[in-house]
Amino acid sequence: MTKSQNGKQYDLEDRTLDFARRVREFIRKLNRTLTNIEDCKQLIRSSGSVGANYIEANEALSKKDFLMRIKICRKEAKESRYWLKLINIDKKELEQERSVLEQEASELTHIFGAIVTKSG
């Protein structure tokens, strides 16, 4: 599908890219403790994987392939939320930013879940 065939597809690609970028901006502001470094590595991987797998889903060779990729998107969004919760924050203003990112990860999880339900 291309953007002209389905405007929402393009919007979700942008949204997942924006999520990964905002996660990276957030991570740059954190204290570099051993646990944060390790948790942030995982968060970077999972947050980027959401959008990368969505792009792969849009290039799927079959419906089965599409559903598998979307399920991976959902799994990676859930995982991103998990890593966000584990990160240690010592600045009050970063707590709000984390909360916003957790909410976005939850919304992406729900969106991909709905796609699986409707496509299955």
PDB file of N, CA and C in Angstrom:
ATOM      1  N   MET A   1       0.834  -1.190   0.000  1.00  0.00           N
ATOM      2  CA  MET A   1       0.000   0.000   0.000  1.00  0.00           C
ATOM      3  C   MET A   1       0.877   1.251   0.000  1.00  0.00           C
ATOM      4  N   THR A   2       0.446   2.227  -0.689  1.00  0.00           N
ATOM      5  CA  THR A   2       1.174   3.489  -0.705  1.00  0.00           C
ATOM      6  C   THR A   2       0.388   4.532   0.074  1.00  0.00           C
ATOM      7  N   LYS A   3       0.988   5.673   0.217  1.00  0.00           N
ATOM      8  CA  LYS A   3       0.333   6.748   0.964  1.00  0.00           C
ATOM      9  C   LYS A   3      -0.999   7.133   0.324  1.00  0.00           C
ATOM     10  N   SER A   4      -1.054   7.191  -0.987  1.00  0.00           N
ATOM     11  CA  SER A   4      -2.287   7.602  -1.650  1.00  0.00           C
ATOM     12  C   SER A   4      -3.406   6.572  -1.480  1.00  0.00           C
ATOM     13  N   GLN A   5      -3.044   5.310  -1.293  1.00  0.00           N
ATOM     14  CA  GLN A   5      -4.059   4.283  -1.101  1.00  0.00           C
ATOM     15  C   GLN A   5      -4.600   4.285   0.322  1.00  0.00           C
ATOM     16  N   ASN A   6      -3.776   4.640   1.262  1.00  0.00           N
ATOM     17  CA  ASN A   6      -4.183   4.573   2.666  1.00  0.00           C
ATOM     18  C   ASN A   6      -3.406   5.611   3.472  1.00  0.00           C
ATOM     19  N   GLY A   7      -3.993   6.767   3.674  1.00  0.00           N
ATOM     20  CA  GLY A   7      -3.322   7.843   4.395  1.00  0.00           C
ATOM     21  C   GLY A   7      -2.919   7.473   5.807  1.00  0.00           C
ATOM     22  N   LYS A   8      -3.699   6.614   6.460  1.00  0.00           N
ATOM     23  CA  LYS A   8      -3.395   6.210   7.825  1.00  0.00           C
ATOM     24  C   LYS A   8      -2.105   5.415   7.909  1.00  0.00           C
ATOM     25  N   GLN A   9      -1.798   4.641   6.880  1.00  0.00           N
ATOM     26  CA  GLN A   9      -0.553   3.879   6.849  1.00  0.00           C
ATOM     27  C   GLN A   9       0.632   4.828   7.000  1.00  0.00           C
ATOM     28  N   TYR A  10       0.637   5.873   6.217  1.00  0.00           N
ATOM     29  CA  TYR A  10       1.728   6.835   6.241  1.00  0.00           C
ATOM     30  C   TYR A  10       1.795   7.524   7.600  1.00  0.00           C
ATOM     31  N   ASP A  11       0.655   7.877   8.149  1.00  0.00           N
ATOM     32  CA  ASP A  11       0.612   8.530   9.453  1.00  0.00           C
ATOM     33  C   ASP A  11       1.208   7.638  10.534  1.00  0.00           C
ATOM     34  N   LEU A  12       0.939   6.342  10.494  1.00  0.00           N
ATOM     35  CA  LEU A  12       1.471   5.425  11.492  1.00  0.00           C
ATOM     36  C   LEU A  12       2.975   5.243  11.319  1.00  0.00           C
ATOM     37  N   GLU A  13       3.462   5.267  10.093  1.00  0.00           N
ATOM     38  CA  GLU A  13       4.908   5.234   9.875  1.00  0.00           C
ATOM     39  C   GLU A  13       5.556   6.457  10.512  1.00  0.00           C
ATOM     40  N   ASP A  14       4.959   7.616  10.291  1.00  0.00           N
ATOM     41  CA  ASP A  14       5.487   8.848  10.896  1.00  0.00           C
ATOM     42  C   ASP A  14       5.405   8.795  12.417  1.00  0.00           C
ATOM     43  N   ARG A  15       4.306   8.286  12.917  1.00  0.00           N
ATOM     44  CA  ARG A  15       4.101   8.233  14.368  1.00  0.00           C
ATOM     45  C   ARG A  15       5.123   7.320  15.037  1.00  0.00           C
ATOM     46  N   THR A  16       5.400   6.164  14.426  1.00  0.00           N
ATOM     47  CA  THR A  16       6.378   5.258  15.018  1.00  0.00           C
ATOM     48  C   THR A  16       7.792   5.835  14.925  1.00  0.00           C
ATOM     49  N   LEU A  17       8.084   6.532  13.848  1.00  0.00           N
ATOM     50  CA  LEU A  17       9.382   7.200  13.713  1.00  0.00           C
ATOM     51  C   LEU A  17       9.526   8.288  14.761  1.00  0.00           C
ATOM     52  N   ASP A  18       8.480   9.068  14.934  1.00  0.00           N
ATOM     53  CA  ASP A  18       8.491  10.130  15.937  1.00  0.00           C
ATOM     54  C   ASP A  18       8.682   9.556  17.348  1.00  0.00           C
ATOM     55  N   PHE A  19       8.030   8.441  17.624  1.00  0.00           N
ATOM     56  CA  PHE A  19       8.185   7.783  18.928  1.00  0.00           C
ATOM     57  C   PHE A  19       9.647   7.401  19.161  1.00  0.00           C
ATOM     58  N   ALA A  20      10.269   6.773  18.186  1.00  0.00           N
ATOM     59  CA  ALA A  20      11.671   6.363  18.329  1.00  0.00           C
ATOM     60  C   ALA A  20      12.579   7.580  18.516  1.00  0.00           C
ATOM     61  N   ARG A  21      12.316   8.638  17.800  1.00  0.00           N
ATOM     62  CA  ARG A  21      13.135   9.861  17.938  1.00  0.00           C
ATOM     63  C   ARG A  21      12.961  10.492  19.317  1.00  0.00           C
ATOM     64  N   ARG A  22      11.717  10.562  19.791  1.00  0.00           N
ATOM     65  CA  ARG A  22      11.469  11.153  21.113  1.00  0.00           C
ATOM     66  C   ARG A  22      12.093  10.322  22.226  1.00  0.00           C
ATOM     67  N   VAL A  23      12.092   9.003  22.060  1.00  0.00           N
ATOM     68  CA  VAL A  23      12.757   8.131  23.038  1.00  0.00           C
ATOM     69  C   VAL A  23      14.243   8.461  23.087  1.00  0.00           C
ATOM     70  N   ARG A  24      14.864   8.637  21.936  1.00  0.00           N
ATOM     71  CA  ARG A  24      16.287   8.945  21.891  1.00  0.00           C
ATOM     72  C   ARG A  24      16.599  10.302  22.519  1.00  0.00           C
ATOM     73  N   GLU A  25      15.747  11.272  22.268  1.00  0.00           N
ATOM     74  CA  GLU A  25      15.931  12.595  22.893  1.00  0.00           C
ATOM     75  C   GLU A  25      15.815  12.487  24.416  1.00  0.00           C
ATOM     76  N   PHE A  26      14.859  11.703  24.874  1.00  0.00           N
ATOM     77  CA  PHE A  26      14.662  11.479  26.304  1.00  0.00           C
ATOM     78  C   PHE A  26      15.899  10.831  26.928  1.00  0.00           C
ATOM     79  N   ILE A  27      16.420   9.820  26.276  1.00  0.00           N
ATOM     80  CA  ILE A  27      17.584   9.086  26.791  1.00  0.00           C
ATOM     81  C   ILE A  27      18.794   9.999  26.935  1.00  0.00           C
ATOM     82  N   ARG A  28      18.969  10.926  26.014  1.00  0.00           N
ATOM     83  CA  ARG A  28      20.115  11.850  26.086  1.00  0.00           C
ATOM     84  C   ARG A  28      20.101  12.695  27.363  1.00  0.00           C
ATOM     85  N   LYS A  29      18.947  12.870  27.976  1.00  0.00           N
ATOM     86  CA  LYS A  29      18.813  13.710  29.174  1.00  0.00           C
ATOM     87  C   LYS A  29      19.039  12.946  30.480  1.00  0.00           C
ATOM     88  N   LEU A  30      19.148  11.628  30.407  1.00  0.00           N
ATOM     89  CA  LEU A  30      19.227  10.801  31.617  1.00  0.00           C
ATOM     90  C   LEU A  30      20.636  10.726  32.185  1.00  0.00           C
ATOM     91  N   ASN A  31      20.696  10.445  33.490  1.00  0.00           N
ATOM     92  CA  ASN A  31      21.984  10.192  34.121  1.00  0.00           C
ATOM     93  C   ASN A  31      22.546   8.879  33.602  1.00  0.00           C
ATOM     94  N   ARG A  32      23.854   8.834  33.456  1.00  0.00           N
ATOM     95  CA  ARG A  32      24.521   7.652  32.913  1.00  0.00           C
ATOM     96  C   ARG A  32      24.942   6.704  34.039  1.00  0.00           C
ATOM     97  N   THR A  33      23.951   6.029  34.610  1.00  0.00           N
ATOM     98  CA  THR A  33      24.261   5.000  35.600  1.00  0.00           C
ATOM     99  C   THR A  33      24.360   3.663  34.868  1.00  0.00           C
ATOM    100  N   LEU A  34      24.961   2.689  35.500  1.00  0.00           N
ATOM    101  CA  LEU A  34      25.113   1.379  34.862  1.00  0.00           C
ATOM    102  C   LEU A  34      23.758   0.795  34.455  1.00  0.00           C
ATOM    103  N   THR A  35      22.782   0.866  35.367  1.00  0.00           N
ATOM    104  CA  THR A  35      21.467   0.300  35.044  1.00  0.00           C
ATOM    105  C   THR A  35      20.773   1.089  33.941  1.00  0.00           C
ATOM    106  N   ASN A  36      20.856   2.403  33.974  1.00  0.00           N
ATOM    107  CA  ASN A  36      20.237   3.200  32.917  1.00  0.00           C
ATOM    108  C   ASN A  36      20.877   2.919  31.559  1.00  0.00           C
ATOM    109  N   ILE A  37      22.191   2.776  31.535  1.00  0.00           N
ATOM    110  CA  ILE A  37      22.866   2.498  30.262  1.00  0.00           C
ATOM    111  C   ILE A  37      22.342   1.201  29.662  1.00  0.00           C
ATOM    112  N   GLU A  38      22.254   0.170  30.472  1.00  0.00           N
ATOM    113  CA  GLU A  38      21.786  -1.130  29.960  1.00  0.00           C
ATOM    114  C   GLU A  38      20.307  -1.091  29.586  1.00  0.00           C
ATOM    115  N   ASP A  39      19.484  -0.489  30.420  1.00  0.00           N
ATOM    116  CA  ASP A  39      18.056  -0.392  30.113  1.00  0.00           C
ATOM    117  C   ASP A  39      17.805   0.471  28.878  1.00  0.00           C
ATOM    118  N   CYS A  40      18.584   1.535  28.738  1.00  0.00           N
ATOM    119  CA  CYS A  40      18.419   2.420  27.584  1.00  0.00           C
ATOM    120  C   CYS A  40      18.822   1.735  26.278  1.00  0.00           C
ATOM    121  N   LYS A  41      19.824   0.879  26.334  1.00  0.00           N
ATOM    122  CA  LYS A  41      20.187   0.115  25.131  1.00  0.00           C
ATOM    123  C   LYS A  41      19.000  -0.712  24.655  1.00  0.00           C
ATOM    124  N   GLN A  42      18.330  -1.353  25.606  1.00  0.00           N
ATOM    125  CA  GLN A  42      17.161  -2.163  25.263  1.00  0.00           C
ATOM    126  C   GLN A  42      16.022  -1.285  24.749  1.00  0.00           C
ATOM    127  N   LEU A  43      15.834  -0.142  25.382  1.00  0.00           N
ATOM    128  CA  LEU A  43      14.770   0.777  24.977  1.00  0.00           C
ATOM    129  C   LEU A  43      15.005   1.316  23.568  1.00  0.00           C
ATOM    130  N   ILE A  44      16.241   1.638  23.254  1.00  0.00           N
ATOM    131  CA  ILE A  44      16.553   2.118  21.906  1.00  0.00           C
ATOM    132  C   ILE A  44      16.206   1.050  20.874  1.00  0.00           C
ATOM    133  N   ARG A  45      16.576  -0.181  21.169  1.00  0.00           N
ATOM    134  CA  ARG A  45      16.298  -1.272  20.222  1.00  0.00           C
ATOM    135  C   ARG A  45      14.789  -1.479  20.030  1.00  0.00           C
ATOM    136  N   SER A  46      14.073  -1.580  21.146  1.00  0.00           N
ATOM    137  CA  SER A  46      12.636  -1.877  21.028  1.00  0.00           C
ATOM    138  C   SER A  46      11.859  -0.719  20.413  1.00  0.00           C
ATOM    139  N   SER A  47      12.195   0.514  20.779  1.00  0.00           N
ATOM    140  CA  SER A  47      11.448   1.659  20.233  1.00  0.00           C
ATOM    141  C   SER A  47      11.679   1.810  18.731  1.00  0.00           C
ATOM    142  N   GLY A  48      12.885   1.556  18.270  1.00  0.00           N
ATOM    143  CA  GLY A  48      13.168   1.620  16.839  1.00  0.00           C
ATOM    144  C   GLY A  48      12.555   0.457  16.078  1.00  0.00           C
ATOM    145  N   SER A  49      12.464  -0.672  16.741  1.00  0.00           N
ATOM    146  CA  SER A  49      11.928  -1.876  16.115  1.00  0.00           C
ATOM    147  C   SER A  49      10.436  -1.756  15.806  1.00  0.00           C
ATOM    148  N   VAL A  50       9.721  -0.956  16.575  1.00  0.00           N
ATOM    149  CA  VAL A  50       8.285  -0.770  16.319  1.00  0.00           C
ATOM    150  C   VAL A  50       8.081  -0.272  14.892  1.00  0.00           C
ATOM    151  N   GLY A  51       8.727   0.818  14.558  1.00  0.00           N
ATOM    152  CA  GLY A  51       8.574   1.403  13.228  1.00  0.00           C
ATOM    153  C   GLY A  51       9.203   0.581  12.126  1.00  0.00           C
ATOM    154  N   ALA A  52      10.356  -0.011  12.407  1.00  0.00           N
ATOM    155  CA  ALA A  52      11.037  -0.826  11.394  1.00  0.00           C
ATOM    156  C   ALA A  52      10.164  -2.022  10.996  1.00  0.00           C
ATOM    157  N   ASN A  53       9.551  -2.648  11.970  1.00  0.00           N
ATOM    158  CA  ASN A  53       8.683  -3.788  11.664  1.00  0.00           C
ATOM    159  C   ASN A  53       7.389  -3.349  10.994  1.00  0.00           C
ATOM    160  N   TYR A  54       6.920  -2.151  11.297  1.00  0.00           N
ATOM    161  CA  TYR A  54       5.732  -1.647  10.607  1.00  0.00           C
ATOM    162  C   TYR A  54       6.034  -1.427   9.122  1.00  0.00           C
ATOM    163  N   ILE A  55       7.198  -0.898   8.833  1.00  0.00           N
ATOM    164  CA  ILE A  55       7.599  -0.732   7.431  1.00  0.00           C
ATOM    165  C   ILE A  55       7.673  -2.101   6.751  1.00  0.00           C
ATOM    166  N   GLU A  56       8.256  -3.075   7.451  1.00  0.00           N
ATOM    167  CA  GLU A  56       8.317  -4.437   6.914  1.00  0.00           C
ATOM    168  C   GLU A  56       6.913  -5.005   6.683  1.00  0.00           C
ATOM    169  N   ALA A  57       5.999  -4.738   7.595  1.00  0.00           N
ATOM    170  CA  ALA A  57       4.622  -5.231   7.447  1.00  0.00           C
ATOM    171  C   ALA A  57       3.981  -4.669   6.182  1.00  0.00           C
ATOM    172  N   ASN A  58       4.264  -3.420   5.892  1.00  0.00           N
ATOM    173  CA  ASN A  58       3.686  -2.794   4.707  1.00  0.00           C
ATOM    174  C   ASN A  58       4.270  -3.348   3.413  1.00  0.00           C
ATOM    175  N   GLU A  59       5.373  -4.050   3.512  1.00  0.00           N
ATOM    176  CA  GLU A  59       5.991  -4.689   2.345  1.00  0.00           C
ATOM    177  C   GLU A  59       5.812  -6.204   2.395  1.00  0.00           C
ATOM    178  N   ALA A  60       4.897  -6.661   3.218  1.00  0.00           N
ATOM    179  CA  ALA A  60       4.699  -8.098   3.438  1.00  0.00           C
ATOM    180  C   ALA A  60       4.371  -8.824   2.144  1.00  0.00           C
ATOM    181  N   LEU A  61       4.836 -10.075   2.085  1.00  0.00           N
ATOM    182  CA  LEU A  61       4.607 -10.900   0.911  1.00  0.00           C
ATOM    183  C   LEU A  61       3.277 -11.651   0.968  1.00  0.00           C
ATOM    184  N   SER A  62       2.709 -11.736   2.173  1.00  0.00           N
ATOM    185  CA  SER A  62       1.437 -12.441   2.342  1.00  0.00           C
ATOM    186  C   SER A  62       0.712 -11.873   3.551  1.00  0.00           C
ATOM    187  N   LYS A  63      -0.540 -12.253   3.710  1.00  0.00           N
ATOM    188  CA  LYS A  63      -1.314 -11.819   4.871  1.00  0.00           C
ATOM    189  C   LYS A  63      -0.699 -12.369   6.161  1.00  0.00           C
ATOM    190  N   LYS A  64      -0.235 -13.605   6.101  1.00  0.00           N
ATOM    191  CA  LYS A  64       0.400 -14.230   7.258  1.00  0.00           C
ATOM    192  C   LYS A  64       1.660 -13.463   7.663  1.00  0.00           C
ATOM    193  N   ASP A  65       2.455 -13.075   6.695  1.00  0.00           N
ATOM    194  CA  ASP A  65       3.668 -12.291   6.942  1.00  0.00           C
ATOM    195  C   ASP A  65       3.301 -10.933   7.546  1.00  0.00           C
ATOM    196  N   PHE A  66       2.267 -10.306   6.980  1.00  0.00           N
ATOM    197  CA  PHE A  66       1.798  -9.015   7.488  1.00  0.00           C
ATOM    198  C   PHE A  66       1.408  -9.123   8.966  1.00  0.00           C
ATOM    199  N   LEU A  67       0.592 -10.118   9.283  1.00  0.00           N
ATOM    200  CA  LEU A  67       0.134 -10.292  10.668  1.00  0.00           C
ATOM    201  C   LEU A  67       1.294 -10.564  11.622  1.00  0.00           C
ATOM    202  N   MET A  68       2.259 -11.356  11.182  1.00  0.00           N
ATOM    203  CA  MET A  68       3.410 -11.630  12.033  1.00  0.00           C
ATOM    204  C   MET A  68       4.178 -10.337  12.341  1.00  0.00           C
ATOM    205  N   ARG A  69       4.394  -9.511  11.333  1.00  0.00           N
ATOM    206  CA  ARG A  69       5.120  -8.242  11.526  1.00  0.00           C
ATOM    207  C   ARG A  69       4.342  -7.288  12.440  1.00  0.00           C
ATOM    208  N   ILE A  70       3.047  -7.228  12.264  1.00  0.00           N
ATOM    209  CA  ILE A  70       2.226  -6.358  13.116  1.00  0.00           C
ATOM    210  C   ILE A  70       2.260  -6.852  14.560  1.00  0.00           C
ATOM    211  N   LYS A  71       2.235  -8.154  14.741  1.00  0.00           N
ATOM    212  CA  LYS A  71       2.344  -8.702  16.101  1.00  0.00           C
ATOM    213  C   LYS A  71       3.695  -8.367  16.721  1.00  0.00           C
ATOM    214  N   ILE A  72       4.737  -8.355  15.915  1.00  0.00           N
ATOM    215  CA  ILE A  72       6.062  -7.950  16.409  1.00  0.00           C
ATOM    216  C   ILE A  72       6.033  -6.473  16.797  1.00  0.00           C
ATOM    217  N   CYS A  73       5.372  -5.646  15.997  1.00  0.00           N
ATOM    218  CA  CYS A  73       5.223  -4.215  16.337  1.00  0.00           C
ATOM    219  C   CYS A  73       4.574  -4.070  17.707  1.00  0.00           C
ATOM    220  N   ARG A  74       3.490  -4.814  17.910  1.00  0.00           N
ATOM    221  CA  ARG A  74       2.777  -4.760  19.187  1.00  0.00           C
ATOM    222  C   ARG A  74       3.685  -5.200  20.335  1.00  0.00           C
ATOM    223  N   LYS A  75       4.420  -6.276  20.125  1.00  0.00           N
ATOM    224  CA  LYS A  75       5.330  -6.799  21.147  1.00  0.00           C
ATOM    225  C   LYS A  75       6.424  -5.781  21.478  1.00  0.00           C
ATOM    226  N   GLU A  76       6.987  -5.150  20.465  1.00  0.00           N
ATOM    227  CA  GLU A  76       8.063  -4.173  20.685  1.00  0.00           C
ATOM    228  C   GLU A  76       7.546  -2.905  21.368  1.00  0.00           C
ATOM    229  N   ALA A  77       6.319  -2.512  21.075  1.00  0.00           N
ATOM    230  CA  ALA A  77       5.727  -1.358  21.767  1.00  0.00           C
ATOM    231  C   ALA A  77       5.526  -1.673  23.246  1.00  0.00           C
ATOM    232  N   LYS A  78       5.044  -2.895  23.542  1.00  0.00           N
ATOM    233  CA  LYS A  78       4.897  -3.318  24.942  1.00  0.00           C
ATOM    234  C   LYS A  78       6.244  -3.338  25.647  1.00  0.00           C
ATOM    235  N   GLU A  79       7.239  -3.857  24.946  1.00  0.00           N
ATOM    236  CA  GLU A  79       8.571  -3.940  25.528  1.00  0.00           C
ATOM    237  C   GLU A  79       9.136  -2.537  25.789  1.00  0.00           C
ATOM    238  N   SER A  80       8.897  -1.614  24.893  1.00  0.00           N
ATOM    239  CA  SER A  80       9.368  -0.235  25.081  1.00  0.00           C
ATOM    240  C   SER A  80       8.784   0.360  26.358  1.00  0.00           C
ATOM    241  N   ARG A  81       7.517   0.106  26.576  1.00  0.00           N
ATOM    242  CA  ARG A  81       6.864   0.612  27.792  1.00  0.00           C
ATOM    243  C   ARG A  81       7.515   0.010  29.039  1.00  0.00           C
ATOM    244  N   TYR A  82       7.837  -1.255  28.978  1.00  0.00           N
ATOM    245  CA  TYR A  82       8.500  -1.940  30.091  1.00  0.00           C
ATOM    246  C   TYR A  82       9.842  -1.282  30.407  1.00  0.00           C
ATOM    247  N   TRP A  83      10.671  -1.074  29.379  1.00  0.00           N
ATOM    248  CA  TRP A  83      11.989  -0.469  29.618  1.00  0.00           C
ATOM    249  C   TRP A  83      11.851   0.966  30.118  1.00  0.00           C
ATOM    250  N   LEU A  84      10.871   1.696  29.630  1.00  0.00           N
ATOM    251  CA  LEU A  84      10.647   3.061  30.123  1.00  0.00           C
ATOM    252  C   LEU A  84      10.357   3.052  31.624  1.00  0.00           C
ATOM    253  N   LYS A  85       9.588   2.073  32.068  1.00  0.00           N
ATOM    254  CA  LYS A  85       9.255   1.992  33.495  1.00  0.00           C
ATOM    255  C   LYS A  85      10.472   1.674  34.356  1.00  0.00           C
ATOM    256  N   LEU A  86      11.438   0.966  33.817  1.00  0.00           N
ATOM    257  CA  LEU A  86      12.614   0.561  34.592  1.00  0.00           C
ATOM    258  C   LEU A  86      13.665   1.662  34.754  1.00  0.00           C
ATOM    259  N   ILE A  87      13.659   2.625  33.879  1.00  0.00           N
ATOM    260  CA  ILE A  87      14.687   3.660  33.894  1.00  0.00           C
ATOM    261  C   ILE A  87      14.591   4.505  35.168  1.00  0.00           C
ATOM    262  N   ASN A  88      15.753   4.757  35.764  1.00  0.00           N
ATOM    263  CA  ASN A  88      15.835   5.601  36.967  1.00  0.00           C
ATOM    264  C   ASN A  88      15.893   7.067  36.562  1.00  0.00           C
ATOM    265  N   ILE A  89      15.021   7.861  37.181  1.00  0.00           N
ATOM    266  CA  ILE A  89      14.954   9.292  36.886  1.00  0.00           C
ATOM    267  C   ILE A  89      15.130  10.061  38.185  1.00  0.00           C
ATOM    268  N   ASP A  90      16.001  11.072  38.149  1.00  0.00           N
ATOM    269  CA  ASP A  90      16.194  11.882  39.347  1.00  0.00           C
ATOM    270  C   ASP A  90      15.713  13.326  39.163  1.00  0.00           C
ATOM    271  N   LYS A  91      15.243  13.654  37.969  1.00  0.00           N
ATOM    272  CA  LYS A  91      14.749  15.006  37.701  1.00  0.00           C
ATOM    273  C   LYS A  91      13.240  14.947  37.482  1.00  0.00           C
ATOM    274  N   LYS A  92      12.526  15.773  38.203  1.00  0.00           N
ATOM    275  CA  LYS A  92      11.055  15.790  38.158  1.00  0.00           C
ATOM    276  C   LYS A  92      10.518  16.013  36.737  1.00  0.00           C
ATOM    277  N   GLU A  93      11.147  16.926  35.992  1.00  0.00           N
ATOM    278  CA  GLU A  93      10.650  17.241  34.649  1.00  0.00           C
ATOM    279  C   GLU A  93      10.761  16.045  33.691  1.00  0.00           C
ATOM    280  N   LEU A  94      11.692  15.139  33.960  1.00  0.00           N
ATOM    281  CA  LEU A  94      11.825  13.952  33.111  1.00  0.00           C
ATOM    282  C   LEU A  94      10.742  12.919  33.398  1.00  0.00           C
ATOM    283  N   GLU A  95      10.177  12.963  34.573  1.00  0.00           N
ATOM    284  CA  GLU A  95       9.103  12.025  34.915  1.00  0.00           C
ATOM    285  C   GLU A  95       7.888  12.254  34.017  1.00  0.00           C
ATOM    286  N   GLN A  96       7.566  13.494  33.748  1.00  0.00           N
ATOM    287  CA  GLN A  96       6.443  13.827  32.856  1.00  0.00           C
ATOM    288  C   GLN A  96       6.732  13.343  31.434  1.00  0.00           C
ATOM    289  N   GLU A  97       7.954  13.544  30.994  1.00  0.00           N
ATOM    290  CA  GLU A  97       8.340  13.110  29.653  1.00  0.00           C
ATOM    291  C   GLU A  97       8.247  11.583  29.537  1.00  0.00           C
ATOM    292  N   ARG A  98       8.701  10.884  30.578  1.00  0.00           N
ATOM    293  CA  ARG A  98       8.592   9.423  30.573  1.00  0.00           C
ATOM    294  C   ARG A  98       7.126   9.001  30.498  1.00  0.00           C
ATOM    295  N   SER A  99       6.279   9.665  31.261  1.00  0.00           N
ATOM    296  CA  SER A  99       4.864   9.340  31.279  1.00  0.00           C
ATOM    297  C   SER A  99       4.231   9.490  29.893  1.00  0.00           C
ATOM    298  N   VAL A 100       4.596  10.536  29.199  1.00  0.00           N
ATOM    299  CA  VAL A 100       4.086  10.771  27.842  1.00  0.00           C
ATOM    300  C   VAL A 100       4.551   9.653  26.905  1.00  0.00           C
ATOM    301  N   LEU A 101       5.816   9.255  27.031  1.00  0.00           N
ATOM    302  CA  LEU A 101       6.340   8.179  26.187  1.00  0.00           C
ATOM    303  C   LEU A 101       5.684   6.838  26.523  1.00  0.00           C
ATOM    304  N   GLU A 102       5.439   6.588  27.794  1.00  0.00           N
ATOM    305  CA  GLU A 102       4.742   5.358  28.196  1.00  0.00           C
ATOM    306  C   GLU A 102       3.331   5.340  27.599  1.00  0.00           C
ATOM    307  N   GLN A 103       2.672   6.480  27.616  1.00  0.00           N
ATOM    308  CA  GLN A 103       1.325   6.578  27.051  1.00  0.00           C
ATOM    309  C   GLN A 103       1.347   6.306  25.547  1.00  0.00           C
ATOM    310  N   GLU A 104       2.335   6.856  24.871  1.00  0.00           N
ATOM    311  CA  GLU A 104       2.447   6.622  23.433  1.00  0.00           C
ATOM    312  C   GLU A 104       2.716   5.138  23.148  1.00  0.00           C
ATOM    313  N   ALA A 105       3.569   4.514  23.932  1.00  0.00           N
ATOM    314  CA  ALA A 105       3.837   3.081  23.755  1.00  0.00           C
ATOM    315  C   ALA A 105       2.552   2.275  23.964  1.00  0.00           C
ATOM    316  N   SER A 106       1.765   2.662  24.950  1.00  0.00           N
ATOM    317  CA  SER A 106       0.489   1.978  25.199  1.00  0.00           C
ATOM    318  C   SER A 106      -0.474   2.163  24.040  1.00  0.00           C
ATOM    319  N   GLU A 107      -0.559   3.378  23.521  1.00  0.00           N
ATOM    320  CA  GLU A 107      -1.449   3.645  22.392  1.00  0.00           C
ATOM    321  C   GLU A 107      -1.017   2.865  21.158  1.00  0.00           C
ATOM    322  N   LEU A 108       0.288   2.806  20.906  1.00  0.00           N
ATOM    323  CA  LEU A 108       0.779   2.029  19.767  1.00  0.00           C
ATOM    324  C   LEU A 108       0.450   0.551  19.946  1.00  0.00           C
ATOM    325  N   THR A 109       0.574   0.056  21.172  1.00  0.00           N
ATOM    326  CA  THR A 109       0.230  -1.341  21.460  1.00  0.00           C
ATOM    327  C   THR A 109      -1.231  -1.596  21.112  1.00  0.00           C
ATOM    328  N   HIS A 110      -2.106  -0.689  21.513  1.00  0.00           N
ATOM    329  CA  HIS A 110      -3.538  -0.838  21.228  1.00  0.00           C
ATOM    330  C   HIS A 110      -3.839  -0.749  19.725  1.00  0.00           C
ATOM    331  N   ILE A 111      -3.165   0.151  19.052  1.00  0.00           N
ATOM    332  CA  ILE A 111      -3.369   0.306  17.604  1.00  0.00           C
ATOM    333  C   ILE A 111      -2.975  -0.976  16.877  1.00  0.00           C
ATOM    334  N   PHE A 112      -1.796  -1.506  17.212  1.00  0.00           N
ATOM    335  CA  PHE A 112      -1.349  -2.726  16.539  1.00  0.00           C
ATOM    336  C   PHE A 112      -2.215  -3.919  16.923  1.00  0.00           C
ATOM    337  N   GLY A 113      -2.698  -3.933  18.148  1.00  0.00           N
ATOM    338  CA  GLY A 113      -3.634  -4.983  18.565  1.00  0.00           C
ATOM    339  C   GLY A 113      -4.919  -4.935  17.759  1.00  0.00           C
ATOM    340  N   ALA A 114      -5.401  -3.722  17.504  1.00  0.00           N
ATOM    341  CA  ALA A 114      -6.631  -3.570  16.714  1.00  0.00           C
ATOM    342  C   ALA A 114      -6.403  -4.003  15.265  1.00  0.00           C
ATOM    343  N   ILE A 115      -5.226  -3.725  14.740  1.00  0.00           N
ATOM    344  CA  ILE A 115      -4.909  -4.154  13.370  1.00  0.00           C
ATOM    345  C   ILE A 115      -4.906  -5.679  13.297  1.00  0.00           C
ATOM    346  N   VAL A 116      -4.310  -6.318  14.301  1.00  0.00           N
ATOM    347  CA  VAL A 116      -4.283  -7.785  14.333  1.00  0.00           C
ATOM    348  C   VAL A 116      -5.702  -8.344  14.382  1.00  0.00           C
ATOM    349  N   THR A 117      -6.533  -7.767  15.234  1.00  0.00           N
ATOM    350  CA  THR A 117      -7.911  -8.227  15.377  1.00  0.00           C
ATOM    351  C   THR A 117      -8.694  -8.074  14.078  1.00  0.00           C
ATOM    352  N   LYS A 118      -8.556  -6.930  13.433  1.00  0.00           N
ATOM    353  CA  LYS A 118      -9.309  -6.663  12.202  1.00  0.00           C
ATOM    354  C   LYS A 118      -8.769  -7.444  10.999  1.00  0.00           C
ATOM    355  N   SER A 119      -7.482  -7.739  11.017  1.00  0.00           N
ATOM    356  CA  SER A 119      -6.863  -8.420   9.881  1.00  0.00           C
ATOM    357  C   SER A 119      -6.884  -9.926  10.012  1.00  0.00           C
ATOM    358  N   GLY A 120      -7.065 -10.408  11.244  1.00  0.00           N
ATOM    359  CA  GLY A 120      -7.008 -11.854  11.506  1.00  0.00           C
ATOM    360  C   GLY A 120      -8.200 -12.534  11.013  1.00  0.00           C
TER     361      GLY A 120
END
